[in-house]
Amino acid sequence: VEQMATHAKLYSKGIKAETTIDQLLNLANLPMTANSKTVGWMGNFHSMAIKTVIRNLLSKYGYLSIEMQQAIADDMKSENRDDLIAENANSTAINLDDANFEDVTDGT
């Protein structure tokens, strides 16, 4: 919660210069209201904090590039890997009926 309050103080243009981190922490102690109509850190601290945490996690661990989004979408297609192998694999059959082999048994 302190990290979110510090983040809000540093990066939010909607927070006035005289607003302190302690005031933001007091907002965090208020009960969370899911149907709040107010916006911004001062009006709805919890929603803004959740949005910021998700955004920060996505920017660090998420696949945000168009290429990665396309790769994930392609990977999630319904095509099965075994079907792709069956369609594209070498289909030449090898007959081993006349192959010479030696039976190897353990000599102990």
PDB file of N, CA and C in Angstrom:
ATOM      1  N   VAL A   1       0.841  -1.187   0.000  1.00  0.00           N
ATOM      2  CA  VAL A   1       0.000   0.000   0.000  1.00  0.00           C
ATOM      3  C   VAL A   1       0.883   1.246   0.000  1.00  0.00           C
ATOM      4  N   GLU A   2       1.984   1.179   0.745  1.00  0.00           N
ATOM      5  CA  GLU A   2       2.894   2.331   0.760  1.00  0.00           C
ATOM      6  C   GLU A   2       3.507   2.568  -0.609  1.00  0.00           C
ATOM      7  N   GLN A   3       3.837   1.483  -1.314  1.00  0.00           N
ATOM      8  CA  GLN A   3       4.388   1.635  -2.663  1.00  0.00           C
ATOM      9  C   GLN A   3       3.387   2.304  -3.594  1.00  0.00           C
ATOM     10  N   MET A   4       2.119   1.944  -3.471  1.00  0.00           N
ATOM     11  CA  MET A   4       1.095   2.540  -4.331  1.00  0.00           C
ATOM     12  C   MET A   4       0.897   4.007  -3.976  1.00  0.00           C
ATOM     13  N   ALA A   5       0.925   4.336  -2.693  1.00  0.00           N
ATOM     14  CA  ALA A   5       0.781   5.733  -2.276  1.00  0.00           C
ATOM     15  C   ALA A   5       1.961   6.561  -2.783  1.00  0.00           C
ATOM     16  N   THR A   6       3.149   5.998  -2.689  1.00  0.00           N
ATOM     17  CA  THR A   6       4.340   6.700  -3.198  1.00  0.00           C
ATOM     18  C   THR A   6       4.265   6.854  -4.707  1.00  0.00           C
ATOM     19  N   HIS A   7       3.838   5.806  -5.381  1.00  0.00           N
ATOM     20  CA  HIS A   7       3.676   5.860  -6.836  1.00  0.00           C
ATOM     21  C   HIS A   7       2.673   6.945  -7.219  1.00  0.00           C
ATOM     22  N   ALA A   8       1.555   6.965  -6.520  1.00  0.00           N
ATOM     23  CA  ALA A   8       0.526   7.975  -6.812  1.00  0.00           C
ATOM     24  C   ALA A   8       1.073   9.380  -6.616  1.00  0.00           C
ATOM     25  N   LYS A   9       1.797   9.579  -5.549  1.00  0.00           N
ATOM     26  CA  LYS A   9       2.352  10.908  -5.254  1.00  0.00           C
ATOM     27  C   LYS A   9       3.350  11.323  -6.328  1.00  0.00           C
ATOM     28  N   LEU A  10       4.166  10.383  -6.777  1.00  0.00           N
ATOM     29  CA  LEU A  10       5.200  10.716  -7.759  1.00  0.00           C
ATOM     30  C   LEU A  10       4.666  10.919  -9.169  1.00  0.00           C
ATOM     31  N   TYR A  11       3.704  10.070  -9.581  1.00  0.00           N
ATOM     32  CA  TYR A  11       3.341  10.042 -10.994  1.00  0.00           C
ATOM     33  C   TYR A  11       1.962  10.590 -11.346  1.00  0.00           C
ATOM     34  N   SER A  12       1.103  10.770 -10.364  1.00  0.00           N
ATOM     35  CA  SER A  12      -0.243  11.212 -10.696  1.00  0.00           C
ATOM     36  C   SER A  12      -0.307  12.729 -10.828  1.00  0.00           C
ATOM     37  N   LYS A  13      -0.831  13.178 -11.961  1.00  0.00           N
ATOM     38  CA  LYS A  13      -0.993  14.618 -12.182  1.00  0.00           C
ATOM     39  C   LYS A  13      -2.215  15.145 -11.450  1.00  0.00           C
ATOM     40  N   GLY A  14      -3.117  14.235 -11.053  1.00  0.00           N
ATOM     41  CA  GLY A  14      -4.341  14.655 -10.379  1.00  0.00           C
ATOM     42  C   GLY A  14      -4.175  14.896  -8.887  1.00  0.00           C
ATOM     43  N   ILE A  15      -3.053  14.515  -8.342  1.00  0.00           N
ATOM     44  CA  ILE A  15      -2.814  14.719  -6.912  1.00  0.00           C
ATOM     45  C   ILE A  15      -2.101  16.043  -6.724  1.00  0.00           C
ATOM     46  N   LYS A  16      -2.637  16.846  -5.849  1.00  0.00           N
ATOM     47  CA  LYS A  16      -2.062  18.171  -5.593  1.00  0.00           C
ATOM     48  C   LYS A  16      -0.724  18.041  -4.880  1.00  0.00           C
ATOM     49  N   ALA A  17       0.119  19.029  -5.052  1.00  0.00           N
ATOM     50  CA  ALA A  17       1.459  19.005  -4.466  1.00  0.00           C
ATOM     51  C   ALA A  17       1.418  18.938  -2.943  1.00  0.00           C
ATOM     52  N   GLU A  18       0.398  19.545  -2.332  1.00  0.00           N
ATOM     53  CA  GLU A  18       0.323  19.556  -0.870  1.00  0.00           C
ATOM     54  C   GLU A  18      -0.222  18.255  -0.274  1.00  0.00           C
ATOM     55  N   THR A  19      -0.693  17.349  -1.111  1.00  0.00           N
ATOM     56  CA  THR A  19      -1.178  16.057  -0.627  1.00  0.00           C
ATOM     57  C   THR A  19       0.012  15.217  -0.185  1.00  0.00           C
ATOM     58  N   THR A  20      -0.082  14.651   0.999  1.00  0.00           N
ATOM     59  CA  THR A  20       1.018  13.848   1.528  1.00  0.00           C
ATOM     60  C   THR A  20       0.743  12.358   1.322  1.00  0.00           C
ATOM     61  N   ILE A  21       1.801  11.597   1.460  1.00  0.00           N
ATOM     62  CA  ILE A  21       1.673  10.148   1.359  1.00  0.00           C
ATOM     63  C   ILE A  21       0.816   9.625   2.505  1.00  0.00           C
ATOM     64  N   ASP A  22       0.916  10.256   3.683  1.00  0.00           N
ATOM     65  CA  ASP A  22       0.080   9.841   4.819  1.00  0.00           C
ATOM     66  C   ASP A  22      -1.406  10.026   4.515  1.00  0.00           C
ATOM     67  N   GLN A  23      -1.749  11.092   3.814  1.00  0.00           N
ATOM     68  CA  GLN A  23      -3.150  11.298   3.439  1.00  0.00           C
ATOM     69  C   GLN A  23      -3.617  10.201   2.474  1.00  0.00           C
ATOM     70  N   LEU A  24      -2.746   9.818   1.578  1.00  0.00           N
ATOM     71  CA  LEU A  24      -3.085   8.742   0.650  1.00  0.00           C
ATOM     72  C   LEU A  24      -3.219   7.412   1.393  1.00  0.00           C
ATOM     73  N   LEU A  25      -2.364   7.175   2.368  1.00  0.00           N
ATOM     74  CA  LEU A  25      -2.474   5.955   3.165  1.00  0.00           C
ATOM     75  C   LEU A  25      -3.771   5.939   3.968  1.00  0.00           C
ATOM     76  N   ASN A  26      -4.228   7.101   4.419  1.00  0.00           N
ATOM     77  CA  ASN A  26      -5.519   7.177   5.118  1.00  0.00           C
ATOM     78  C   ASN A  26      -6.657   6.807   4.165  1.00  0.00           C
ATOM     79  N   LEU A  27      -6.543   7.208   2.908  1.00  0.00           N
ATOM     80  CA  LEU A  27      -7.548   6.824   1.912  1.00  0.00           C
ATOM     81  C   LEU A  27      -7.559   5.306   1.713  1.00  0.00           C
ATOM     82  N   ALA A  28      -6.386   4.697   1.793  1.00  0.00           N
ATOM     83  CA  ALA A  28      -6.290   3.252   1.627  1.00  0.00           C
ATOM     84  C   ALA A  28      -6.960   2.517   2.782  1.00  0.00           C
ATOM     85  N   ASN A  29      -7.037   3.154   3.942  1.00  0.00           N
ATOM     86  CA  ASN A  29      -7.666   2.524   5.114  1.00  0.00           C
ATOM     87  C   ASN A  29      -9.179   2.601   5.087  1.00  0.00           C
ATOM     88  N   LEU A  30      -9.735   3.414   4.198  1.00  0.00           N
ATOM     89  CA  LEU A  30     -11.188   3.499   4.080  1.00  0.00           C
ATOM     90  C   LEU A  30     -11.713   2.205   3.474  1.00  0.00           C
ATOM     91  N   PRO A  31     -12.970   1.860   3.756  1.00  0.00           N
ATOM     92  CA  PRO A  31     -13.505   0.631   3.162  1.00  0.00           C
ATOM     93  C   PRO A  31     -13.571   0.728   1.637  1.00  0.00           C
ATOM     94  N   MET A  32     -13.337  -0.410   1.010  1.00  0.00           N
ATOM     95  CA  MET A  32     -13.358  -0.466  -0.453  1.00  0.00           C
ATOM     96  C   MET A  32     -14.800  -0.531  -0.940  1.00  0.00           C
ATOM     97  N   THR A  33     -15.125   0.324  -1.898  1.00  0.00           N
ATOM     98  CA  THR A  33     -16.465   0.328  -2.473  1.00  0.00           C
ATOM     99  C   THR A  33     -16.349  -0.034  -3.949  1.00  0.00           C
ATOM    100  N   ALA A  34     -16.978  -1.112  -4.330  1.00  0.00           N
ATOM    101  CA  ALA A  34     -16.878  -1.603  -5.710  1.00  0.00           C
ATOM    102  C   ALA A  34     -17.646  -0.727  -6.687  1.00  0.00           C
ATOM    103  N   ASN A  35     -18.694  -0.067  -6.245  1.00  0.00           N
ATOM    104  CA  ASN A  35     -19.551   0.705  -7.146  1.00  0.00           C
ATOM    105  C   ASN A  35     -19.279   2.199  -7.072  1.00  0.00           C
ATOM    106  N   SER A  36     -18.106   2.577  -6.661  1.00  0.00           N
ATOM    107  CA  SER A  36     -17.796   3.992  -6.511  1.00  0.00           C
ATOM    108  C   SER A  36     -17.831   4.699  -7.863  1.00  0.00           C
ATOM    109  N   LYS A  37     -18.441   5.857  -7.897  1.00  0.00           N
ATOM    110  CA  LYS A  37     -18.539   6.645  -9.135  1.00  0.00           C
ATOM    111  C   LYS A  37     -17.390   7.651  -9.256  1.00  0.00           C
ATOM    112  N   THR A  38     -16.609   7.799  -8.202  1.00  0.00           N
ATOM    113  CA  THR A  38     -15.513   8.761  -8.238  1.00  0.00           C
ATOM    114  C   THR A  38     -14.297   8.133  -8.909  1.00  0.00           C
ATOM    115  N   VAL A  39     -13.474   8.978  -9.473  1.00  0.00           N
ATOM    116  CA  VAL A  39     -12.293   8.512 -10.190  1.00  0.00           C
ATOM    117  C   VAL A  39     -11.050   9.149  -9.608  1.00  0.00           C
ATOM    118  N   GLY A  40      -9.919   8.580  -9.933  1.00  0.00           N
ATOM    119  CA  GLY A  40      -8.648   9.126  -9.496  1.00  0.00           C
ATOM    120  C   GLY A  40      -8.241   8.605  -8.126  1.00  0.00           C
ATOM    121  N   TRP A  41      -7.021   8.901  -7.767  1.00  0.00           N
ATOM    122  CA  TRP A  41      -6.457   8.422  -6.515  1.00  0.00           C
ATOM    123  C   TRP A  41      -7.202   8.978  -5.306  1.00  0.00           C
ATOM    124  N   MET A  42      -7.569  10.229  -5.352  1.00  0.00           N
ATOM    125  CA  MET A  42      -8.225  10.839  -4.194  1.00  0.00           C
ATOM    126  C   MET A  42      -9.666  10.353  -4.052  1.00  0.00           C
ATOM    127  N   GLY A  43     -10.293   9.968  -5.126  1.00  0.00           N
ATOM    128  CA  GLY A  43     -11.681   9.548  -5.073  1.00  0.00           C
ATOM    129  C   GLY A  43     -11.867   8.050  -4.908  1.00  0.00           C
ATOM    130  N   ASN A  44     -10.935   7.268  -5.441  1.00  0.00           N
ATOM    131  CA  ASN A  44     -11.082   5.820  -5.394  1.00  0.00           C
ATOM    132  C   ASN A  44      -9.698   5.184  -5.362  1.00  0.00           C
ATOM    133  N   PHE A  45      -9.065   5.276  -4.205  1.00  0.00           N
ATOM    134  CA  PHE A  45      -7.688   4.808  -4.045  1.00  0.00           C
ATOM    135  C   PHE A  45      -7.550   3.331  -4.391  1.00  0.00           C
ATOM    136  N   HIS A  46      -8.472   2.507  -3.919  1.00  0.00           N
ATOM    137  CA  HIS A  46      -8.361   1.060  -4.102  1.00  0.00           C
ATOM    138  C   HIS A  46      -8.376   0.656  -5.574  1.00  0.00           C
ATOM    139  N   SER A  47      -9.297   1.194  -6.334  1.00  0.00           N
ATOM    140  CA  SER A  47      -9.368   0.849  -7.756  1.00  0.00           C
ATOM    141  C   SER A  47      -8.129   1.308  -8.506  1.00  0.00           C
ATOM    142  N   MET A  48      -7.661   2.482  -8.179  1.00  0.00           N
ATOM    143  CA  MET A  48      -6.458   2.995  -8.838  1.00  0.00           C
ATOM    144  C   MET A  48      -5.234   2.155  -8.467  1.00  0.00           C
ATOM    145  N   ALA A  49      -5.157   1.738  -7.219  1.00  0.00           N
ATOM    146  CA  ALA A  49      -4.023   0.922  -6.773  1.00  0.00           C
ATOM    147  C   ALA A  49      -4.037  -0.434  -7.469  1.00  0.00           C
ATOM    148  N   ILE A  50      -5.205  -1.057  -7.559  1.00  0.00           N
ATOM    149  CA  ILE A  50      -5.315  -2.353  -8.233  1.00  0.00           C
ATOM    150  C   ILE A  50      -4.934  -2.216  -9.703  1.00  0.00           C
ATOM    151  N   LYS A  51      -5.434  -1.167 -10.349  1.00  0.00           N
ATOM    152  CA  LYS A  51      -5.109  -0.938 -11.756  1.00  0.00           C
ATOM    153  C   LYS A  51      -3.604  -0.743 -11.932  1.00  0.00           C
ATOM    154  N   THR A  52      -2.982  -0.012 -11.027  1.00  0.00           N
ATOM    155  CA  THR A  52      -1.557   0.269 -11.135  1.00  0.00           C
ATOM    156  C   THR A  52      -0.733  -0.983 -10.907  1.00  0.00           C
ATOM    157  N   VAL A  53      -1.121  -1.807  -9.946  1.00  0.00           N
ATOM    158  CA  VAL A  53      -0.398  -3.054  -9.703  1.00  0.00           C
ATOM    159  C   VAL A  53      -0.473  -3.944 -10.937  1.00  0.00           C
ATOM    160  N   ILE A  54      -1.650  -4.093 -11.509  1.00  0.00           N
ATOM    161  CA  ILE A  54      -1.816  -4.934 -12.708  1.00  0.00           C
ATOM    162  C   ILE A  54      -1.003  -4.372 -13.865  1.00  0.00           C
ATOM    163  N   ARG A  55      -1.064  -3.077 -14.030  1.00  0.00           N
ATOM    164  CA  ARG A  55      -0.327  -2.435 -15.128  1.00  0.00           C
ATOM    165  C   ARG A  55       1.179  -2.629 -14.966  1.00  0.00           C
ATOM    166  N   ASN A  56       1.667  -2.476 -13.735  1.00  0.00           N
ATOM    167  CA  ASN A  56       3.098  -2.661 -13.484  1.00  0.00           C
ATOM    168  C   ASN A  56       3.517  -4.112 -13.703  1.00  0.00           C
ATOM    169  N   LEU A  57       2.684  -5.054 -13.284  1.00  0.00           N
ATOM    170  CA  LEU A  57       2.995  -6.467 -13.500  1.00  0.00           C
ATOM    171  C   LEU A  57       3.003  -6.808 -14.982  1.00  0.00           C
ATOM    172  N   LEU A  58       2.031  -6.287 -15.728  1.00  0.00           N
ATOM    173  CA  LEU A  58       2.003  -6.546 -17.163  1.00  0.00           C
ATOM    174  C   LEU A  58       3.213  -5.953 -17.870  1.00  0.00           C
ATOM    175  N   SER A  59       3.607  -4.755 -17.465  1.00  0.00           N
ATOM    176  CA  SER A  59       4.757  -4.138 -18.131  1.00  0.00           C
ATOM    177  C   SER A  59       6.043  -4.880 -17.823  1.00  0.00           C
ATOM    178  N   LYS A  60       6.097  -5.567 -16.670  1.00  0.00           N
ATOM    179  CA  LYS A  60       7.306  -6.299 -16.316  1.00  0.00           C
ATOM    180  C   LYS A  60       7.268  -7.735 -16.834  1.00  0.00           C
ATOM    181  N   TYR A  61       6.142  -8.427 -16.672  1.00  0.00           N
ATOM    182  CA  TYR A  61       6.064  -9.838 -16.996  1.00  0.00           C
ATOM    183  C   TYR A  61       5.153 -10.153 -18.179  1.00  0.00           C
ATOM    184  N   GLY A  62       4.376  -9.202 -18.634  1.00  0.00           N
ATOM    185  CA  GLY A  62       3.409  -9.461 -19.692  1.00  0.00           C
ATOM    186  C   GLY A  62       4.027  -9.416 -21.065  1.00  0.00           C
ATOM    187  N   TYR A  63       3.327  -9.981 -22.004  1.00  0.00           N
ATOM    188  CA  TYR A  63       3.762  -9.980 -23.396  1.00  0.00           C
ATOM    189  C   TYR A  63       2.976  -8.885 -24.112  1.00  0.00           C
ATOM    190  N   LEU A  64       3.557  -7.697 -24.159  1.00  0.00           N
ATOM    191  CA  LEU A  64       2.820  -6.550 -24.664  1.00  0.00           C
ATOM    192  C   LEU A  64       3.091  -6.247 -26.136  1.00  0.00           C
ATOM    193  N   SER A  65       4.137  -6.820 -26.708  1.00  0.00           N
ATOM    194  CA  SER A  65       4.426  -6.507 -28.101  1.00  0.00           C
ATOM    195  C   SER A  65       3.423  -7.216 -29.005  1.00  0.00           C
ATOM    196  N   ILE A  66       3.216  -6.653 -30.172  1.00  0.00           N
ATOM    197  CA  ILE A  66       2.302  -7.228 -31.150  1.00  0.00           C
ATOM    198  C   ILE A  66       2.778  -8.625 -31.547  1.00  0.00           C
ATOM    199  N   GLU A  67       4.095  -8.781 -31.696  1.00  0.00           N
ATOM    200  CA  GLU A  67       4.633 -10.072 -32.097  1.00  0.00           C
ATOM    201  C   GLU A  67       4.334 -11.136 -31.045  1.00  0.00           C
ATOM    202  N   MET A  68       4.503 -10.795 -29.756  1.00  0.00           N
ATOM    203  CA  MET A  68       4.242 -11.765 -28.699  1.00  0.00           C
ATOM    204  C   MET A  68       2.752 -12.061 -28.589  1.00  0.00           C
ATOM    205  N   GLN A  69       1.916 -11.053 -28.758  1.00  0.00           N
ATOM    206  CA  GLN A  69       0.475 -11.285 -28.722  1.00  0.00           C
ATOM    207  C   GLN A  69       0.070 -12.244 -29.838  1.00  0.00           C
ATOM    208  N   GLN A  70       0.648 -12.053 -31.023  1.00  0.00           N
ATOM    209  CA  GLN A  70       0.340 -12.931 -32.150  1.00  0.00           C
ATOM    210  C   GLN A  70       0.862 -14.341 -31.895  1.00  0.00           C
ATOM    211  N   ALA A  71       2.058 -14.447 -31.318  1.00  0.00           N
ATOM    212  CA  ALA A  71       2.625 -15.763 -31.023  1.00  0.00           C
ATOM    213  C   ALA A  71       1.768 -16.513 -30.012  1.00  0.00           C
ATOM    214  N   ILE A  72       1.288 -15.815 -28.998  1.00  0.00           N
ATOM    215  CA  ILE A  72       0.429 -16.451 -28.001  1.00  0.00           C
ATOM    216  C   ILE A  72      -0.889 -16.860 -28.635  1.00  0.00           C
ATOM    217  N   ALA A  73      -1.453 -15.997 -29.458  1.00  0.00           N
ATOM    218  CA  ALA A  73      -2.711 -16.326 -30.125  1.00  0.00           C
ATOM    219  C   ALA A  73      -2.540 -17.544 -31.028  1.00  0.00           C
ATOM    220  N   ASP A  74      -1.429 -17.608 -31.758  1.00  0.00           N
ATOM    221  CA  ASP A  74      -1.167 -18.759 -32.624  1.00  0.00           C
ATOM    222  C   ASP A  74      -0.991 -20.030 -31.800  1.00  0.00           C
ATOM    223  N   ASP A  75      -0.347 -19.888 -30.657  1.00  0.00           N
ATOM    224  CA  ASP A  75      -0.107 -21.036 -29.794  1.00  0.00           C
ATOM    225  C   ASP A  75      -1.399 -21.567 -29.185  1.00  0.00           C
ATOM    226  N   MET A  76      -2.368 -20.693 -28.994  1.00  0.00           N
ATOM    227  CA  MET A  76      -3.614 -21.075 -28.351  1.00  0.00           C
ATOM    228  C   MET A  76      -4.647 -21.622 -29.342  1.00  0.00           C
ATOM    229  N   LYS A  77      -4.301 -21.641 -30.631  1.00  0.00           N
ATOM    230  CA  LYS A  77      -5.246 -22.143 -31.634  1.00  0.00           C
ATOM    231  C   LYS A  77      -5.606 -23.587 -31.324  1.00  0.00           C
ATOM    232  N   SER A  78      -6.705 -24.002 -31.863  1.00  0.00           N
ATOM    233  CA  SER A  78      -7.197 -25.342 -31.564  1.00  0.00           C
ATOM    234  C   SER A  78      -6.397 -26.454 -32.233  1.00  0.00           C
ATOM    235  N   GLU A  79      -5.458 -26.096 -33.086  1.00  0.00           N
ATOM    236  CA  GLU A  79      -4.664 -27.127 -33.747  1.00  0.00           C
ATOM    237  C   GLU A  79      -3.845 -27.876 -32.708  1.00  0.00           C
ATOM    238  N   ASN A  80      -3.889 -29.158 -32.802  1.00  0.00           N
ATOM    239  CA  ASN A  80      -3.154 -30.007 -31.891  1.00  0.00           C
ATOM    240  C   ASN A  80      -1.766 -30.251 -32.456  1.00  0.00           C
ATOM    241  N   ARG A  81      -0.771 -30.287 -31.590  1.00  0.00           N
ATOM    242  CA  ARG A  81       0.597 -30.507 -32.025  1.00  0.00           C
ATOM    243  C   ARG A  81       0.743 -31.854 -32.729  1.00  0.00           C
ATOM    244  N   ASP A  82       0.076 -32.877 -32.202  1.00  0.00           N
ATOM    245  CA  ASP A  82       0.154 -34.197 -32.837  1.00  0.00           C
ATOM    246  C   ASP A  82      -0.432 -34.168 -34.245  1.00  0.00           C
ATOM    247  N   ASP A  83      -1.498 -33.388 -34.454  1.00  0.00           N
ATOM    248  CA  ASP A  83      -2.086 -33.266 -35.785  1.00  0.00           C
ATOM    249  C   ASP A  83      -1.115 -32.591 -36.744  1.00  0.00           C
ATOM    250  N   LEU A  84      -0.413 -31.557 -36.256  1.00  0.00           N
ATOM    251  CA  LEU A  84       0.569 -30.878 -37.099  1.00  0.00           C
ATOM    252  C   LEU A  84       1.705 -31.813 -37.472  1.00  0.00           C
ATOM    253  N   ILE A  85       2.141 -32.615 -36.519  1.00  0.00           N
ATOM    254  CA  ILE A  85       3.216 -33.562 -36.814  1.00  0.00           C
ATOM    255  C   ILE A  85       2.742 -34.588 -37.830  1.00  0.00           C
ATOM    256  N   ALA A  86       1.524 -35.104 -37.650  1.00  0.00           N
ATOM    257  CA  ALA A  86       0.983 -36.106 -38.579  1.00  0.00           C
ATOM    258  C   ALA A  86       0.845 -35.534 -39.979  1.00  0.00           C
ATOM    259  N   GLU A  87       0.464 -34.267 -40.091  1.00  0.00           N
ATOM    260  CA  GLU A  87       0.284 -33.645 -41.399  1.00  0.00           C
ATOM    261  C   GLU A  87       1.614 -33.351 -42.077  1.00  0.00           C
ATOM    262  N   ASN A  88       2.627 -32.979 -41.325  1.00  0.00           N
ATOM    263  CA  ASN A  88       3.865 -32.483 -41.911  1.00  0.00           C
ATOM    264  C   ASN A  88       5.050 -33.433 -41.789  1.00  0.00           C
ATOM    265  N   ALA A  89       4.897 -34.521 -41.087  1.00  0.00           N
ATOM    266  CA  ALA A  89       6.005 -35.437 -40.875  1.00  0.00           C
ATOM    267  C   ALA A  89       6.273 -36.272 -42.114  1.00  0.00           C
ATOM    268  N   ASN A  90       7.440 -36.849 -42.158  1.00  0.00           N
ATOM    269  CA  ASN A  90       7.797 -37.756 -43.234  1.00  0.00           C
ATOM    270  C   ASN A  90       6.933 -39.000 -43.093  1.00  0.00           C
ATOM    271  N   SER A  91       6.220 -39.371 -44.133  1.00  0.00           N
ATOM    272  CA  SER A  91       5.276 -40.481 -44.041  1.00  0.00           C
ATOM    273  C   SER A  91       5.790 -41.748 -44.720  1.00  0.00           C
ATOM    274  N   THR A  92       7.079 -41.829 -44.974  1.00  0.00           N
ATOM    275  CA  THR A  92       7.640 -43.014 -45.582  1.00  0.00           C
ATOM    276  C   THR A  92       7.676 -44.135 -44.554  1.00  0.00           C
ATOM    277  N   ALA A  93       7.090 -45.251 -44.902  1.00  0.00           N
ATOM    278  CA  ALA A  93       7.076 -46.402 -43.997  1.00  0.00           C
ATOM    279  C   ALA A  93       8.354 -47.202 -44.178  1.00  0.00           C
ATOM    280  N   ILE A  94       8.890 -47.683 -43.092  1.00  0.00           N
ATOM    281  CA  ILE A  94      10.099 -48.505 -43.137  1.00  0.00           C
ATOM    282  C   ILE A  94       9.699 -49.923 -42.749  1.00  0.00           C
ATOM    283  N   ASN A  95       9.977 -50.864 -43.647  1.00  0.00           N
ATOM    284  CA  ASN A  95       9.642 -52.252 -43.395  1.00  0.00           C
ATOM    285  C   ASN A  95      10.854 -52.940 -42.780  1.00  0.00           C
ATOM    286  N   LEU A  96      10.701 -53.422 -41.556  1.00  0.00           N
ATOM    287  CA  LEU A  96      11.797 -54.086 -40.864  1.00  0.00           C
ATOM    288  C   LEU A  96      11.588 -55.590 -40.742  1.00  0.00           C
ATOM    289  N   ASP A  97      10.692 -56.141 -41.555  1.00  0.00           N
ATOM    290  CA  ASP A  97      10.412 -57.576 -41.487  1.00  0.00           C
ATOM    291  C   ASP A  97      11.646 -58.415 -41.833  1.00  0.00           C
ATOM    292  N   ASP A  98      12.445 -57.993 -42.791  1.00  0.00           N
ATOM    293  CA  ASP A  98      13.617 -58.747 -43.231  1.00  0.00           C
ATOM    294  C   ASP A  98      14.909 -58.230 -42.613  1.00  0.00           C
ATOM    295  N   ALA A  99      14.815 -57.419 -41.588  1.00  0.00           N
ATOM    296  CA  ALA A  99      16.016 -56.844 -40.981  1.00  0.00           C
ATOM    297  C   ALA A  99      16.743 -57.890 -40.153  1.00  0.00           C
ATOM    298  N   ASN A 100      18.069 -57.832 -40.184  1.00  0.00           N
ATOM    299  CA  ASN A 100      18.891 -58.713 -39.360  1.00  0.00           C
ATOM    300  C   ASN A 100      19.087 -58.058 -38.007  1.00  0.00           C
ATOM    301  N   PHE A 101      18.943 -58.829 -36.983  1.00  0.00           N
ATOM    302  CA  PHE A 101      19.167 -58.307 -35.649  1.00  0.00           C
ATOM    303  C   PHE A 101      19.702 -59.406 -34.762  1.00  0.00           C
ATOM    304  N   GLU A 102      20.319 -59.004 -33.692  1.00  0.00           N
ATOM    305  CA  GLU A 102      20.899 -59.942 -32.751  1.00  0.00           C
ATOM    306  C   GLU A 102      20.193 -59.769 -31.421  1.00  0.00           C
ATOM    307  N   ASP A 103      19.727 -60.839 -30.853  1.00  0.00           N
ATOM    308  CA  ASP A 103      19.051 -60.791 -29.562  1.00  0.00           C
ATOM    309  C   ASP A 103      20.108 -60.587 -28.481  1.00  0.00           C
ATOM    310  N   VAL A 104      19.978 -59.570 -27.730  1.00  0.00           N
ATOM    311  CA  VAL A 104      20.945 -59.256 -26.683  1.00  0.00           C
ATOM    312  C   VAL A 104      20.281 -59.545 -25.342  1.00  0.00           C
ATOM    313  N   THR A 105      20.898 -60.450 -24.602  1.00  0.00           N
ATOM    314  CA  THR A 105      20.394 -60.770 -23.280  1.00  0.00           C
ATOM    315  C   THR A 105      21.502 -60.523 -22.271  1.00  0.00           C
ATOM    316  N   ASP A 106      21.084 -60.295 -21.064  1.00  0.00           N
ATOM    317  CA  ASP A 106      22.053 -60.038 -20.000  1.00  0.00           C
ATOM    318  C   ASP A 106      22.732 -61.367 -19.654  1.00  0.00           C
ATOM    319  N   GLY A 107      24.050 -61.416 -19.674  1.00  0.00           N
ATOM    320  CA  GLY A 107      24.811 -62.638 -19.479  1.00  0.00           C
ATOM    321  C   GLY A 107      24.911 -63.073 -18.026  1.00  0.00           C
ATOM    322  N   THR A 108      24.317 -62.381 -17.091  1.00  0.00           N
ATOM    323  CA  THR A 108      24.443 -62.779 -15.701  1.00  0.00           C
ATOM    324  C   THR A 108      23.418 -63.786 -15.285  1.00  0.00           C
TER     325      THR A 108
END
